[in-house]
Each structure stands twice: as C-alpha cells, then as structure tokens.
Amino acid sequence: RLTVDALKVLATAPARALKEMVLDRYGDYVVVFDADTDAVPV
C-alpha cells in the first residue's frame, strides 16, 4: 500500500502509441506485448 501526499510533474514523458502495445490476460495474469521487443512483462 502506498499513500501519496503530493505529486509534482518534473517533465512530461513522450506518450507511446497504444497500437504498439497490447495487454492480454492469462487467467489470473496480465502480460504486455510490445512490438519493439520480444520480451514480455508478466
């Protein structure tokens, strides 16, 4: 659990196009497919 008391934006990050990434469910798991890499975060 994390409580945030204040949030300050130091710089904006470039937003990636959603078409480059896909979220998928494997039962109780979520994976992120990214067109730029074969590695898949789970």
PDB file of all heavy atoms in Angstrom:
ATOM      1  N   ARG A   1       0.857  -1.192   0.000  1.00  0.00           N
ATOM      2  CA  ARG A   1       0.000   0.000   0.000  1.00  0.00           C
ATOM      3  C   ARG A   1       0.888   1.237   0.000  1.00  0.00           C
ATOM      4  O   ARG A   1       1.896   1.291   0.690  1.00  0.00           O
ATOM      5  CB  ARG A   1      -0.902   0.028   1.232  1.00  0.00           C
ATOM      6  CG  ARG A   1      -1.761  -1.185   1.396  1.00  0.00           C
ATOM      7  CD  ARG A   1      -2.904  -1.156   0.418  1.00  0.00           C
ATOM      8  NE  ARG A   1      -3.771  -2.302   0.655  1.00  0.00           N
ATOM      9  CZ  ARG A   1      -4.526  -2.827  -0.260  1.00  0.00           C
ATOM     10  NH1 ARG A   1      -4.539  -2.333  -1.466  1.00  0.00           N
ATOM     11  NH2 ARG A   1      -5.277  -3.860   0.009  1.00  0.00           N
ATOM     12  N   LEU A   2       0.507   2.228  -0.755  1.00  0.00           N
ATOM     13  CA  LEU A   2       1.282   3.452  -0.878  1.00  0.00           C
ATOM     14  C   LEU A   2       0.337   4.640  -0.774  1.00  0.00           C
ATOM     15  O   LEU A   2      -0.709   4.670  -1.418  1.00  0.00           O
ATOM     16  CB  LEU A   2       2.007   3.488  -2.228  1.00  0.00           C
ATOM     17  CG  LEU A   2       2.768   4.743  -2.574  1.00  0.00           C
ATOM     18  CD1 LEU A   2       3.973   4.911  -1.652  1.00  0.00           C
ATOM     19  CD2 LEU A   2       3.217   4.704  -4.017  1.00  0.00           C
ATOM     20  N   THR A   3       0.697   5.618   0.037  1.00  0.00           N
ATOM     21  CA  THR A   3      -0.077   6.842   0.161  1.00  0.00           C
ATOM     22  C   THR A   3       0.736   7.983  -0.439  1.00  0.00           C
ATOM     23  O   THR A   3       1.885   8.190  -0.076  1.00  0.00           O
ATOM     24  CB  THR A   3      -0.376   7.154   1.642  1.00  0.00           C
ATOM     25  OG1 THR A   3      -1.086   6.051   2.199  1.00  0.00           O
ATOM     26  CG2 THR A   3      -1.202   8.406   1.778  1.00  0.00           C
ATOM     27  N   VAL A   4       0.121   8.709  -1.361  1.00  0.00           N
ATOM     28  CA  VAL A   4       0.785   9.840  -2.000  1.00  0.00           C
ATOM     29  C   VAL A   4       0.175  11.118  -1.440  1.00  0.00           C
ATOM     30  O   VAL A   4      -1.029  11.340  -1.543  1.00  0.00           O
ATOM     31  CB  VAL A   4       0.613   9.786  -3.530  1.00  0.00           C
ATOM     32  CG1 VAL A   4       1.244  11.012  -4.174  1.00  0.00           C
ATOM     33  CG2 VAL A   4       1.205   8.501  -4.086  1.00  0.00           C
ATOM     34  N   ASP A   5       1.021  11.971  -0.851  1.00  0.00           N
ATOM     35  CA  ASP A   5       0.551  13.235  -0.294  1.00  0.00           C
ATOM     36  C   ASP A   5       0.606  14.370  -1.308  1.00  0.00           C
ATOM     37  O   ASP A   5      -0.191  15.301  -1.261  1.00  0.00           O
ATOM     38  CB  ASP A   5       1.387  13.617   0.937  1.00  0.00           C
ATOM     39  CG  ASP A   5       1.188  12.623   2.073  1.00  0.00           C
ATOM     40  OD1 ASP A   5       0.060  12.114   2.236  1.00  0.00           O
ATOM     41  OD2 ASP A   5       2.162  12.365   2.788  1.00  0.00           O
ATOM     42  N   ALA A   6       1.571  14.298  -2.223  1.00  0.00           N
ATOM     43  CA  ALA A   6       1.705  15.348  -3.229  1.00  0.00           C
ATOM     44  C   ALA A   6       2.348  14.751  -4.477  1.00  0.00           C
ATOM     45  O   ALA A   6       3.112  13.802  -4.403  1.00  0.00           O
ATOM     46  CB  ALA A   6       2.573  16.482  -2.705  1.00  0.00           C
ATOM     47  N   LEU A   7       2.019  15.322  -5.599  1.00  0.00           N
ATOM     48  CA  LEU A   7       2.550  14.853  -6.862  1.00  0.00           C
ATOM     49  C   LEU A   7       2.976  16.066  -7.674  1.00  0.00           C
ATOM     50  O   LEU A   7       2.198  17.008  -7.847  1.00  0.00           O
ATOM     51  CB  LEU A   7       1.489  14.060  -7.623  1.00  0.00           C
ATOM     52  CG  LEU A   7       1.912  13.419  -8.926  1.00  0.00           C
ATOM     53  CD1 LEU A   7       3.009  12.379  -8.689  1.00  0.00           C
ATOM     54  CD2 LEU A   7       0.709  12.771  -9.586  1.00  0.00           C
ATOM     55  N   LYS A   8       4.214  16.045  -8.126  1.00  0.00           N
ATOM     56  CA  LYS A   8       4.736  17.167  -8.897  1.00  0.00           C
ATOM     57  C   LYS A   8       5.292  16.628 -10.217  1.00  0.00           C
ATOM     58  O   LYS A   8       6.112  15.709 -10.218  1.00  0.00           O
ATOM     59  CB  LYS A   8       5.840  17.869  -8.113  1.00  0.00           C
ATOM     60  CG  LYS A   8       6.424  19.062  -8.829  1.00  0.00           C
ATOM     61  CD  LYS A   8       7.472  19.750  -7.960  1.00  0.00           C
ATOM     62  CE  LYS A   8       8.088  20.925  -8.675  1.00  0.00           C
ATOM     63  NZ  LYS A   8       9.118  21.575  -7.881  1.00  0.00           N
ATOM     64  N   VAL A   9       4.861  17.188 -11.333  1.00  0.00           N
ATOM     65  CA  VAL A   9       5.347  16.781 -12.638  1.00  0.00           C
ATOM     66  C   VAL A   9       6.638  17.540 -12.920  1.00  0.00           C
ATOM     67  O   VAL A   9       6.638  18.767 -12.992  1.00  0.00           O
ATOM     68  CB  VAL A   9       4.298  17.062 -13.736  1.00  0.00           C
ATOM     69  CG1 VAL A   9       4.860  16.706 -15.104  1.00  0.00           C
ATOM     70  CG2 VAL A   9       3.019  16.304 -13.448  1.00  0.00           C
ATOM     71  N   LEU A  10       7.734  16.804 -13.048  1.00  0.00           N
ATOM     72  CA  LEU A  10       9.028  17.428 -13.323  1.00  0.00           C
ATOM     73  C   LEU A  10       9.229  17.647 -14.818  1.00  0.00           C
ATOM     74  O   LEU A  10       9.825  18.624 -15.231  1.00  0.00           O
ATOM     75  CB  LEU A  10      10.153  16.570 -12.757  1.00  0.00           C
ATOM     76  CG  LEU A  10      10.085  16.323 -11.251  1.00  0.00           C
ATOM     77  CD1 LEU A  10      11.194  15.380 -10.823  1.00  0.00           C
ATOM     78  CD2 LEU A  10      10.169  17.633 -10.484  1.00  0.00           C
ATOM     79  N   ALA A  11       8.754  16.706 -15.612  1.00  0.00           N
ATOM     80  CA  ALA A  11       8.832  16.829 -17.069  1.00  0.00           C
ATOM     81  C   ALA A  11       7.854  15.830 -17.662  1.00  0.00           C
ATOM     82  O   ALA A  11       7.582  14.786 -17.067  1.00  0.00           O
ATOM     83  CB  ALA A  11      10.248  16.535 -17.558  1.00  0.00           C
ATOM     84  N   THR A  12       7.337  16.139 -18.810  1.00  0.00           N
ATOM     85  CA  THR A  12       6.411  15.215 -19.451  1.00  0.00           C
ATOM     86  C   THR A  12       7.195  14.170 -20.230  1.00  0.00           C
ATOM     87  O   THR A  12       8.256  14.451 -20.784  1.00  0.00           O
ATOM     88  CB  THR A  12       5.455  15.954 -20.397  1.00  0.00           C
ATOM     89  OG1 THR A  12       6.221  16.657 -21.376  1.00  0.00           O
ATOM     90  CG2 THR A  12       4.582  16.927 -19.631  1.00  0.00           C
ATOM     91  N   ALA A  13       6.681  12.987 -20.245  1.00  0.00           N
ATOM     92  CA  ALA A  13       7.302  11.894 -20.999  1.00  0.00           C
ATOM     93  C   ALA A  13       6.562  11.732 -22.318  1.00  0.00           C
ATOM     94  O   ALA A  13       5.353  11.963 -22.379  1.00  0.00           O
ATOM     95  CB  ALA A  13       7.232  10.605 -20.199  1.00  0.00           C
ATOM     96  N   PRO A  14       7.278  11.334 -23.346  1.00  0.00           N
ATOM     97  CA  PRO A  14       6.574  11.118 -24.612  1.00  0.00           C
ATOM     98  C   PRO A  14       5.623   9.931 -24.475  1.00  0.00           C
ATOM     99  O   PRO A  14       5.983   8.892 -23.937  1.00  0.00           O
ATOM    100  CB  PRO A  14       7.696  10.816 -25.601  1.00  0.00           C
ATOM    101  CG  PRO A  14       8.859  10.409 -24.765  1.00  0.00           C
ATOM    102  CD  PRO A  14       8.697  11.075 -23.446  1.00  0.00           C
ATOM    103  N   ALA A  15       4.407  10.105 -24.917  1.00  0.00           N
ATOM    104  CA  ALA A  15       3.416   9.036 -24.836  1.00  0.00           C
ATOM    105  C   ALA A  15       3.621   8.076 -26.000  1.00  0.00           C
ATOM    106  O   ALA A  15       3.806   8.488 -27.144  1.00  0.00           O
ATOM    107  CB  ALA A  15       2.016   9.622 -24.882  1.00  0.00           C
ATOM    108  N   ARG A  16       3.606   6.797 -25.679  1.00  0.00           N
ATOM    109  CA  ARG A  16       3.732   5.783 -26.726  1.00  0.00           C
ATOM    110  C   ARG A  16       2.352   5.510 -27.303  1.00  0.00           C
ATOM    111  O   ARG A  16       1.360   5.520 -26.600  1.00  0.00           O
ATOM    112  CB  ARG A  16       4.316   4.507 -26.145  1.00  0.00           C
ATOM    113  CG  ARG A  16       5.737   4.724 -25.648  1.00  0.00           C
ATOM    114  CD  ARG A  16       6.321   3.457 -25.167  1.00  0.00           C
ATOM    115  NE  ARG A  16       6.517   2.574 -26.318  1.00  0.00           N
ATOM    116  CZ  ARG A  16       7.024   1.368 -26.200  1.00  0.00           C
ATOM    117  NH1 ARG A  16       7.355   0.897 -25.036  1.00  0.00           N
ATOM    118  NH2 ARG A  16       7.173   0.608 -27.254  1.00  0.00           N
ATOM    119  N   ALA A  17       2.325   5.269 -28.571  1.00  0.00           N
ATOM    120  CA  ALA A  17       1.058   4.941 -29.222  1.00  0.00           C
ATOM    121  C   ALA A  17       0.576   3.591 -28.716  1.00  0.00           C
ATOM    122  O   ALA A  17       1.350   2.642 -28.630  1.00  0.00           O
ATOM    123  CB  ALA A  17       1.245   4.911 -30.733  1.00  0.00           C
ATOM    124  N   LEU A  18      -0.703   3.505 -28.375  1.00  0.00           N
ATOM    125  CA  LEU A  18      -1.254   2.260 -27.859  1.00  0.00           C
ATOM    126  C   LEU A  18      -1.198   1.135 -28.883  1.00  0.00           C
ATOM    127  O   LEU A  18      -1.186  -0.028 -28.515  1.00  0.00           O
ATOM    128  CB  LEU A  18      -2.692   2.473 -27.390  1.00  0.00           C
ATOM    129  CG  LEU A  18      -2.856   3.333 -26.150  1.00  0.00           C
ATOM    130  CD1 LEU A  18      -4.337   3.506 -25.835  1.00  0.00           C
ATOM    131  CD2 LEU A  18      -2.133   2.725 -24.967  1.00  0.00           C
ATOM    132  N   LYS A  19      -1.129   1.470 -30.153  1.00  0.00           N
ATOM    133  CA  LYS A  19      -1.083   0.421 -31.163  1.00  0.00           C
ATOM    134  C   LYS A  19       0.208  -0.396 -31.071  1.00  0.00           C
ATOM    135  O   LYS A  19       0.284  -1.491 -31.597  1.00  0.00           O
ATOM    136  CB  LYS A  19      -1.224   1.015 -32.559  1.00  0.00           C
ATOM    137  CG  LYS A  19      -0.071   1.898 -32.973  1.00  0.00           C
ATOM    138  CD  LYS A  19      -0.288   2.491 -34.337  1.00  0.00           C
ATOM    139  CE  LYS A  19       0.883   3.389 -34.680  1.00  0.00           C
ATOM    140  NZ  LYS A  19       0.746   4.027 -35.944  1.00  0.00           N
ATOM    141  N   GLU A  20       1.227   0.136 -30.384  1.00  0.00           N
ATOM    142  CA  GLU A  20       2.496  -0.570 -30.236  1.00  0.00           C
ATOM    143  C   GLU A  20       2.464  -1.593 -29.105  1.00  0.00           C
ATOM    144  O   GLU A  20       3.310  -2.467 -29.049  1.00  0.00           O
ATOM    145  CB  GLU A  20       3.630   0.414 -29.970  1.00  0.00           C
ATOM    146  CG  GLU A  20       3.887   1.385 -31.093  1.00  0.00           C
ATOM    147  CD  GLU A  20       4.912   2.428 -30.724  1.00  0.00           C
ATOM    148  OE1 GLU A  20       5.489   2.348 -29.637  1.00  0.00           O
ATOM    149  OE2 GLU A  20       5.134   3.331 -31.536  1.00  0.00           O
ATOM    150  N   MET A  21       1.495  -1.480 -28.182  1.00  0.00           N
ATOM    151  CA  MET A  21       1.428  -2.375 -27.039  1.00  0.00           C
ATOM    152  C   MET A  21       0.044  -2.995 -26.933  1.00  0.00           C
ATOM    153  O   MET A  21      -0.953  -2.365 -27.250  1.00  0.00           O
ATOM    154  CB  MET A  21       1.744  -1.621 -25.751  1.00  0.00           C
ATOM    155  CG  MET A  21       3.160  -1.113 -25.676  1.00  0.00           C
ATOM    156  SD  MET A  21       3.638  -0.482 -24.059  1.00  0.00           S
ATOM    157  CE  MET A  21       2.429   0.752 -23.748  1.00  0.00           C
ATOM    158  N   VAL A  22       0.027  -4.237 -26.455  1.00  0.00           N
ATOM    159  CA  VAL A  22      -1.230  -4.954 -26.267  1.00  0.00           C
ATOM    160  C   VAL A  22      -1.199  -5.637 -24.912  1.00  0.00           C
ATOM    161  O   VAL A  22      -0.226  -6.302 -24.567  1.00  0.00           O
ATOM    162  CB  VAL A  22      -1.431  -6.019 -27.368  1.00  0.00           C
ATOM    163  CG1 VAL A  22      -2.682  -6.839 -27.106  1.00  0.00           C
ATOM    164  CG2 VAL A  22      -1.478  -5.377 -28.744  1.00  0.00           C
ATOM    165  N   LEU A  23      -2.256  -5.432 -24.114  1.00  0.00           N
ATOM    166  CA  LEU A  23      -2.407  -6.146 -22.846  1.00  0.00           C
ATOM    167  C   LEU A  23      -3.246  -7.391 -23.107  1.00  0.00           C
ATOM    168  O   LEU A  23      -4.208  -7.349 -23.870  1.00  0.00           O
ATOM    169  CB  LEU A  23      -3.127  -5.268 -21.814  1.00  0.00           C
ATOM    170  CG  LEU A  23      -2.412  -3.996 -21.385  1.00  0.00           C
ATOM    171  CD1 LEU A  23      -3.300  -3.223 -20.430  1.00  0.00           C
ATOM    172  CD2 LEU A  23      -1.091  -4.316 -20.733  1.00  0.00           C
ATOM    173  N   ASP A  24      -2.860  -8.493 -22.465  1.00  0.00           N
ATOM    174  CA  ASP A  24      -3.618  -9.726 -22.620  1.00  0.00           C
ATOM    175  C   ASP A  24      -3.693 -10.430 -21.280  1.00  0.00           C
ATOM    176  O   ASP A  24      -2.813 -10.253 -20.429  1.00  0.00           O
ATOM    177  CB  ASP A  24      -2.945 -10.622 -23.652  1.00  0.00           C
ATOM    178  CG  ASP A  24      -3.881 -11.668 -24.224  1.00  0.00           C
ATOM    179  OD1 ASP A  24      -5.082 -11.678 -23.858  1.00  0.00           O
ATOM    180  OD2 ASP A  24      -3.428 -12.487 -25.040  1.00  0.00           O
ATOM    181  N   ARG A  25      -4.759 -11.192 -21.059  1.00  0.00           N
ATOM    182  CA  ARG A  25      -4.949 -11.930 -19.810  1.00  0.00           C
ATOM    183  C   ARG A  25      -4.625 -13.394 -20.027  1.00  0.00           C
ATOM    184  O   ARG A  25      -4.972 -13.976 -21.040  1.00  0.00           O
ATOM    185  CB  ARG A  25      -6.405 -11.835 -19.338  1.00  0.00           C
ATOM    186  CG  ARG A  25      -6.840 -10.506 -18.789  1.00  0.00           C
ATOM    187  CD  ARG A  25      -6.330 -10.190 -17.397  1.00  0.00           C
ATOM    188  NE  ARG A  25      -6.726 -11.102 -16.356  1.00  0.00           N
ATOM    189  CZ  ARG A  25      -7.655 -10.870 -15.447  1.00  0.00           C
ATOM    190  NH1 ARG A  25      -8.312  -9.736 -15.455  1.00  0.00           N
ATOM    191  NH2 ARG A  25      -7.910 -11.753 -14.524  1.00  0.00           N
ATOM    192  N   TYR A  26      -3.940 -13.980 -19.063  1.00  0.00           N
ATOM    193  CA  TYR A  26      -3.706 -15.419 -18.994  1.00  0.00           C
ATOM    194  C   TYR A  26      -4.264 -15.853 -17.652  1.00  0.00           C
ATOM    195  O   TYR A  26      -3.534 -15.959 -16.668  1.00  0.00           O
ATOM    196  CB  TYR A  26      -2.211 -15.740 -19.066  1.00  0.00           C
ATOM    197  CG  TYR A  26      -1.618 -15.681 -20.455  1.00  0.00           C
ATOM    198  CD1 TYR A  26      -1.477 -14.477 -21.127  1.00  0.00           C
ATOM    199  CD2 TYR A  26      -1.207 -16.835 -21.091  1.00  0.00           C
ATOM    200  CE1 TYR A  26      -0.933 -14.423 -22.392  1.00  0.00           C
ATOM    201  CE2 TYR A  26      -0.660 -16.792 -22.366  1.00  0.00           C
ATOM    202  CZ  TYR A  26      -0.526 -15.583 -23.008  1.00  0.00           C
ATOM    203  OH  TYR A  26       0.009 -15.529 -24.264  1.00  0.00           O
ATOM    204  N   GLY A  27      -5.566 -16.042 -17.552  1.00  0.00           N
ATOM    205  CA  GLY A  27      -6.200 -16.391 -16.280  1.00  0.00           C
ATOM    206  C   GLY A  27      -6.023 -15.262 -15.284  1.00  0.00           C
ATOM    207  O   GLY A  27      -6.501 -14.154 -15.501  1.00  0.00           O
ATOM    208  N   ASP A  28      -5.281 -15.526 -14.197  1.00  0.00           N
ATOM    209  CA  ASP A  28      -5.034 -14.525 -13.157  1.00  0.00           C
ATOM    210  C   ASP A  28      -3.820 -13.648 -13.459  1.00  0.00           C
ATOM    211  O   ASP A  28      -3.333 -12.945 -12.576  1.00  0.00           O
ATOM    212  CB  ASP A  28      -4.827 -15.209 -11.805  1.00  0.00           C
ATOM    213  CG  ASP A  28      -6.103 -15.842 -11.285  1.00  0.00           C
ATOM    214  OD1 ASP A  28      -7.188 -15.358 -11.653  1.00  0.00           O
ATOM    215  OD2 ASP A  28      -6.014 -16.816 -10.527  1.00  0.00           O
ATOM    216  N   TYR A  29      -3.331 -13.697 -14.673  1.00  0.00           N
ATOM    217  CA  TYR A  29      -2.117 -12.962 -15.041  1.00  0.00           C
ATOM    218  C   TYR A  29      -2.385 -12.009 -16.193  1.00  0.00           C
ATOM    219  O   TYR A  29      -3.257 -12.247 -17.025  1.00  0.00           O
ATOM    220  CB  TYR A  29      -1.001 -13.941 -15.430  1.00  0.00           C
ATOM    221  CG  TYR A  29      -0.614 -14.836 -14.280  1.00  0.00           C
ATOM    222  CD1 TYR A  29      -1.282 -16.023 -14.045  1.00  0.00           C
ATOM    223  CD2 TYR A  29       0.392 -14.454 -13.401  1.00  0.00           C
ATOM    224  CE1 TYR A  29      -0.951 -16.833 -12.973  1.00  0.00           C
ATOM    225  CE2 TYR A  29       0.727 -15.252 -12.323  1.00  0.00           C
ATOM    226  CZ  TYR A  29       0.052 -16.440 -12.116  1.00  0.00           C
ATOM    227  OH  TYR A  29       0.375 -17.225 -11.048  1.00  0.00           O
ATOM    228  N   VAL A  30      -1.605 -10.930 -16.241  1.00  0.00           N
ATOM    229  CA  VAL A  30      -1.686  -9.942 -17.313  1.00  0.00           C
ATOM    230  C   VAL A  30      -0.300  -9.837 -17.943  1.00  0.00           C
ATOM    231  O   VAL A  30       0.708  -9.770 -17.234  1.00  0.00           O
ATOM    232  CB  VAL A  30      -2.112  -8.553 -16.769  1.00  0.00           C
ATOM    233  CG1 VAL A  30      -2.127  -7.519 -17.873  1.00  0.00           C
ATOM    234  CG2 VAL A  30      -3.470  -8.642 -16.087  1.00  0.00           C
ATOM    235  N   VAL A  31      -0.258  -9.830 -19.261  1.00  0.00           N
ATOM    236  CA  VAL A  31       1.009  -9.697 -19.975  1.00  0.00           C
ATOM    237  C   VAL A  31       0.924  -8.483 -20.900  1.00  0.00           C
ATOM    238  O   VAL A  31      -0.159  -8.069 -21.307  1.00  0.00           O
ATOM    239  CB  VAL A  31       1.338 -10.966 -20.789  1.00  0.00           C
ATOM    240  CG1 VAL A  31       1.491 -12.167 -19.870  1.00  0.00           C
ATOM    241  CG2 VAL A  31       0.304 -11.254 -21.838  1.00  0.00           C
ATOM    242  N   VAL A  32       2.097  -7.912 -21.202  1.00  0.00           N
ATOM    243  CA  VAL A  32       2.160  -6.727 -22.054  1.00  0.00           C
ATOM    244  C   VAL A  32       3.019  -7.057 -23.265  1.00  0.00           C
ATOM    245  O   VAL A  32       4.227  -7.260 -23.138  1.00  0.00           O
ATOM    246  CB  VAL A  32       2.775  -5.524 -21.298  1.00  0.00           C
ATOM    247  CG1 VAL A  32       2.775  -4.288 -22.197  1.00  0.00           C
ATOM    248  CG2 VAL A  32       2.029  -5.263 -20.003  1.00  0.00           C
ATOM    249  N   PHE A  33       2.380  -7.147 -24.420  1.00  0.00           N
ATOM    250  CA  PHE A  33       3.112  -7.376 -25.660  1.00  0.00           C
ATOM    251  C   PHE A  33       3.500  -6.026 -26.253  1.00  0.00           C
ATOM    252  O   PHE A  33       2.677  -5.135 -26.362  1.00  0.00           O
ATOM    253  CB  PHE A  33       2.255  -8.150 -26.665  1.00  0.00           C
ATOM    254  CG  PHE A  33       1.941  -9.550 -26.238  1.00  0.00           C
ATOM    255  CD1 PHE A  33       0.692  -9.876 -25.759  1.00  0.00           C
ATOM    256  CD2 PHE A  33       2.909 -10.540 -26.331  1.00  0.00           C
ATOM    257  CE1 PHE A  33       0.391 -11.169 -25.373  1.00  0.00           C
ATOM    258  CE2 PHE A  33       2.617 -11.837 -25.945  1.00  0.00           C
ATOM    259  CZ  PHE A  33       1.361 -12.158 -25.458  1.00  0.00           C
ATOM    260  N   ASP A  34       4.772  -5.892 -26.619  1.00  0.00           N
ATOM    261  CA  ASP A  34       5.300  -4.657 -27.185  1.00  0.00           C
ATOM    262  C   ASP A  34       5.929  -4.990 -28.532  1.00  0.00           C
ATOM    263  O   ASP A  34       6.774  -5.883 -28.626  1.00  0.00           O
ATOM    264  CB  ASP A  34       6.342  -4.060 -26.240  1.00  0.00           C
ATOM    265  CG  ASP A  34       6.849  -2.705 -26.676  1.00  0.00           C
ATOM    266  OD1 ASP A  34       6.723  -2.354 -27.866  1.00  0.00           O
ATOM    267  OD2 ASP A  34       7.390  -1.990 -25.823  1.00  0.00           O
ATOM    268  N   ALA A  35       5.538  -4.278 -29.576  1.00  0.00           N
ATOM    269  CA  ALA A  35       6.042  -4.545 -30.918  1.00  0.00           C
ATOM    270  C   ALA A  35       7.552  -4.331 -31.039  1.00  0.00           C
ATOM    271  O   ALA A  35       8.179  -4.879 -31.938  1.00  0.00           O
ATOM    272  CB  ALA A  35       5.319  -3.665 -31.927  1.00  0.00           C
ATOM    273  N   ASP A  36       8.145  -3.552 -30.126  1.00  0.00           N
ATOM    274  CA  ASP A  36       9.562  -3.229 -30.217  1.00  0.00           C
ATOM    275  C   ASP A  36      10.481  -4.273 -29.592  1.00  0.00           C
ATOM    276  O   ASP A  36      11.698  -4.177 -29.723  1.00  0.00           O
ATOM    277  CB  ASP A  36       9.837  -1.883 -29.550  1.00  0.00           C
ATOM    278  CG  ASP A  36       9.191  -0.739 -30.306  1.00  0.00           C
ATOM    279  OD1 ASP A  36       8.964  -0.877 -31.521  1.00  0.00           O
ATOM    280  OD2 ASP A  36       8.899   0.296 -29.678  1.00  0.00           O
ATOM    281  N   THR A  37       9.924  -5.267 -28.876  1.00  0.00           N
ATOM    282  CA  THR A  37      10.766  -6.247 -28.196  1.00  0.00           C
ATOM    283  C   THR A  37      10.064  -7.592 -28.104  1.00  0.00           C
ATOM    284  O   THR A  37       8.835  -7.657 -28.119  1.00  0.00           O
ATOM    285  CB  THR A  37      11.151  -5.758 -26.777  1.00  0.00           C
ATOM    286  OG1 THR A  37      11.974  -6.741 -26.156  1.00  0.00           O
ATOM    287  CG2 THR A  37       9.936  -5.511 -25.919  1.00  0.00           C
ATOM    288  N   ASP A  38      10.853  -8.663 -28.015  1.00  0.00           N
ATOM    289  CA  ASP A  38      10.286 -10.000 -27.833  1.00  0.00           C
ATOM    290  C   ASP A  38       9.980 -10.272 -26.367  1.00  0.00           C
ATOM    291  O   ASP A  38       9.159 -11.118 -26.054  1.00  0.00           O
ATOM    292  CB  ASP A  38      11.257 -11.073 -28.331  1.00  0.00           C
ATOM    293  CG  ASP A  38      11.314 -11.130 -29.853  1.00  0.00           C
ATOM    294  OD1 ASP A  38      10.352 -10.685 -30.505  1.00  0.00           O
ATOM    295  OD2 ASP A  38      12.323 -11.624 -30.389  1.00  0.00           O
ATOM    296  N   ALA A  39      10.658  -9.562 -25.451  1.00  0.00           N
ATOM    297  CA  ALA A  39      10.451  -9.774 -24.021  1.00  0.00           C
ATOM    298  C   ALA A  39       9.033  -9.359 -23.630  1.00  0.00           C
ATOM    299  O   ALA A  39       8.495  -8.393 -24.156  1.00  0.00           O
ATOM    300  CB  ALA A  39      11.483  -8.990 -23.215  1.00  0.00           C
ATOM    301  N   VAL A  40       8.434 -10.119 -22.690  1.00  0.00           N
ATOM    302  CA  VAL A  40       7.047  -9.882 -22.303  1.00  0.00           C
ATOM    303  C   VAL A  40       6.957  -9.753 -20.779  1.00  0.00           C
ATOM    304  O   VAL A  40       7.180 -10.726 -20.065  1.00  0.00           O
ATOM    305  CB  VAL A  40       6.138 -11.041 -22.767  1.00  0.00           C
ATOM    306  CG1 VAL A  40       4.691 -10.765 -22.405  1.00  0.00           C
ATOM    307  CG2 VAL A  40       6.280 -11.274 -24.262  1.00  0.00           C
ATOM    308  N   PRO A  41       6.657  -8.550 -20.251  1.00  0.00           N
ATOM    309  CA  PRO A  41       6.459  -8.400 -18.812  1.00  0.00           C
ATOM    310  C   PRO A  41       5.188  -9.132 -18.381  1.00  0.00           C
ATOM    311  O   PRO A  41       4.173  -9.077 -19.071  1.00  0.00           O
ATOM    312  CB  PRO A  41       6.302  -6.896 -18.607  1.00  0.00           C
ATOM    313  CG  PRO A  41       6.633  -6.250 -19.906  1.00  0.00           C
ATOM    314  CD  PRO A  41       6.552  -7.288 -20.959  1.00  0.00           C
ATOM    315  N   VAL A  42       5.267  -9.797 -17.221  1.00  0.00           N
ATOM    316  CA  VAL A  42       4.132 -10.559 -16.709  1.00  0.00           C
ATOM    317  C   VAL A  42       3.832 -10.099 -15.282  1.00  0.00           C
ATOM    318  O   VAL A  42       4.737 -10.006 -14.454  1.00  0.00           O
ATOM    319  CB  VAL A  42       4.424 -12.073 -16.728  1.00  0.00           C
ATOM    320  CG1 VAL A  42       3.242 -12.864 -16.197  1.00  0.00           C
ATOM    321  CG2 VAL A  42       4.798 -12.534 -18.133  1.00  0.00           C
TER     322      VAL A  42
END
